[in-house]
Amino acid sequence: MSDIAKIVGDRIRILRNEKGLTLEELGDRAGINATHLGRLERGEKSATVDSLEKIVNALEISFEHLFKYIQPSTENTDNTALSILINKLSTLSVHDQKLLLPLIDDLFKLMKHKA
């Protein structure tokens, strides 16, 4: 499936987890089969606009909030991993994000020495 389907699916999963909902609970609220919702979250299927509308309503968020950290690629590069990292980091408090910075710096140093 497309990279955007994976990125949107990851964002849906993050938001569902933030709300403390299981796949079944969100599926019930949205009127979407939990199996299908799982496929959407894994990026195995692309969500229709109608499905996205049901999901944002069930999560009690806006479309803007759903797509907040999803950036279109301006180059012919694969930004899927970057978008997923941004999604995950955005769920952390600013304090926790700052705590991760030195760890990320250390990882970069290790990767440079490895190359």
Protein backbone atom coordinates (compact mmCIF):
# COMPACT_ATOMS: atom_id res chain seq x y z
CA MET A 1 0.00 0.00 0.00
CA SER A 2 1.06 3.62 -0.34
CA ASP A 3 3.28 5.43 2.10
CA ILE A 4 0.52 7.92 2.87
CA ALA A 5 -1.78 5.05 3.90
CA LYS A 6 0.90 3.86 6.36
CA ILE A 7 1.44 7.36 7.74
CA VAL A 8 -2.29 8.09 8.14
CA GLY A 9 -2.84 4.66 9.66
CA ASP A 10 -0.05 5.21 12.16
CA ARG A 11 -1.54 8.58 13.08
CA ILE A 12 -4.98 7.00 13.63
CA ARG A 13 -3.43 4.34 15.90
CA ILE A 14 -1.54 6.98 17.91
CA LEU A 15 -4.69 9.07 18.38
CA ARG A 16 -6.76 5.99 19.28
CA ASN A 17 -4.19 4.98 21.90
CA GLU A 18 -4.10 8.52 23.28
CA LYS A 19 -7.86 8.24 23.84
CA GLY A 20 -7.37 4.85 25.52
CA LEU A 21 -9.55 3.05 22.99
CA THR A 22 -9.19 -0.47 21.64
CA LEU A 23 -9.69 -1.19 17.95
CA GLU A 24 -13.09 -2.64 18.80
CA GLU A 25 -14.15 0.41 20.80
CA LEU A 26 -13.13 2.85 18.08
CA GLY A 27 -14.70 0.60 15.45
CA ASP A 28 -17.98 0.57 17.37
CA ARG A 29 -17.95 4.34 17.80
CA ALA A 30 -17.12 4.90 14.13
CA GLY A 31 -19.36 2.19 12.73
CA ILE A 32 -16.34 0.50 11.12
CA ASN A 33 -15.47 -3.18 11.48
CA ALA A 34 -12.49 -3.57 13.85
CA THR A 35 -10.69 -5.85 11.38
CA HIS A 36 -11.00 -3.22 8.65
CA LEU A 37 -9.91 -0.50 11.08
CA GLY A 38 -6.82 -2.59 11.92
CA ARG A 39 -5.99 -2.81 8.22
CA LEU A 40 -6.32 0.97 7.95
CA GLU A 41 -4.02 1.49 10.94
CA ARG A 42 -1.38 -0.84 9.48
CA GLY A 43 -1.58 0.91 6.12
CA GLU A 44 -2.75 -2.25 4.40
CA LYS A 45 -5.81 -0.40 3.09
CA SER A 46 -6.34 3.23 2.18
CA ALA A 47 -9.11 4.99 4.06
CA THR A 48 -11.87 6.67 2.13
CA VAL A 49 -12.89 10.20 3.01
CA ASP A 50 -16.12 8.75 4.46
CA SER A 51 -14.14 6.36 6.69
CA LEU A 52 -11.85 9.17 7.81
CA GLU A 53 -14.88 11.30 8.66
CA LYS A 54 -16.30 8.49 10.80
CA ILE A 55 -12.95 8.02 12.54
CA VAL A 56 -12.37 11.71 13.33
CA ASN A 57 -15.94 12.01 14.63
CA ALA A 58 -15.49 8.90 16.80
CA LEU A 59 -12.18 10.26 18.13
CA GLU A 60 -13.81 13.66 18.64
CA ILE A 61 -11.07 15.44 16.71
CA SER A 62 -10.92 17.53 13.55
CA PHE A 63 -9.50 16.56 10.19
CA GLU A 64 -6.87 19.23 10.86
CA HIS A 65 -5.79 17.42 14.03
CA LEU A 66 -5.65 14.07 12.22
CA PHE A 67 -3.36 15.48 9.52
CA LYS A 68 -1.47 17.88 11.78
CA TYR A 69 1.95 16.21 11.51
CA ILE A 70 1.60 14.69 8.06
CA GLN A 71 3.74 16.52 5.54
CA PRO A 72 3.63 15.91 1.81
CA SER A 73 6.94 15.04 0.25
CA THR A 74 8.45 17.88 -1.75
CA GLU A 75 11.05 15.61 -3.28
CA ASN A 76 11.08 12.18 -4.84
CA THR A 77 12.17 10.62 -1.55
CA ASP A 78 10.51 8.24 0.88
CA ASN A 79 9.55 10.25 3.97
CA THR A 80 7.45 7.51 5.56
CA ALA A 81 9.86 6.80 8.41
CA LEU A 82 10.34 10.50 9.10
CA SER A 83 6.58 11.11 9.22
CA ILE A 84 6.07 8.17 11.59
CA LEU A 85 8.87 9.45 13.85
CA ILE A 86 7.28 12.90 13.90
CA ASN A 87 3.90 11.32 14.72
CA LYS A 88 5.39 9.43 17.64
CA LEU A 89 7.40 12.38 18.98
CA SER A 90 4.34 14.62 18.78
CA THR A 91 2.56 12.46 21.36
CA LEU A 92 5.21 13.28 23.98
CA SER A 93 5.23 16.30 26.23
CA VAL A 94 7.74 19.03 25.43
CA HIS A 95 9.64 18.00 28.56
CA ASP A 96 9.90 14.38 27.36
CA GLN A 97 10.89 15.51 23.86
CA LYS A 98 13.75 17.51 25.38
CA LEU A 99 14.80 14.46 27.41
CA LEU A 100 15.08 12.46 24.18
CA LEU A 101 17.33 14.96 22.42
CA PRO A 102 20.62 13.85 24.05
CA LEU A 103 19.70 10.23 23.38
CA ILE A 104 19.06 10.99 19.72
CA ASP A 105 22.35 12.89 19.52
CA ASP A 106 24.15 9.83 20.91
CA LEU A 107 22.42 7.59 18.35
CA PHE A 108 23.58 9.88 15.54
CA LYS A 109 27.16 9.73 16.83
CA LEU A 110 27.01 5.92 16.94
CA MET A 111 25.62 5.76 13.44
CA LYS A 112 28.39 8.04 12.10
CA HIS A 113 31.07 5.86 13.69
CA LYS A 114 29.40 2.76 12.24
CA ALA A 115 29.51 4.12 8.68
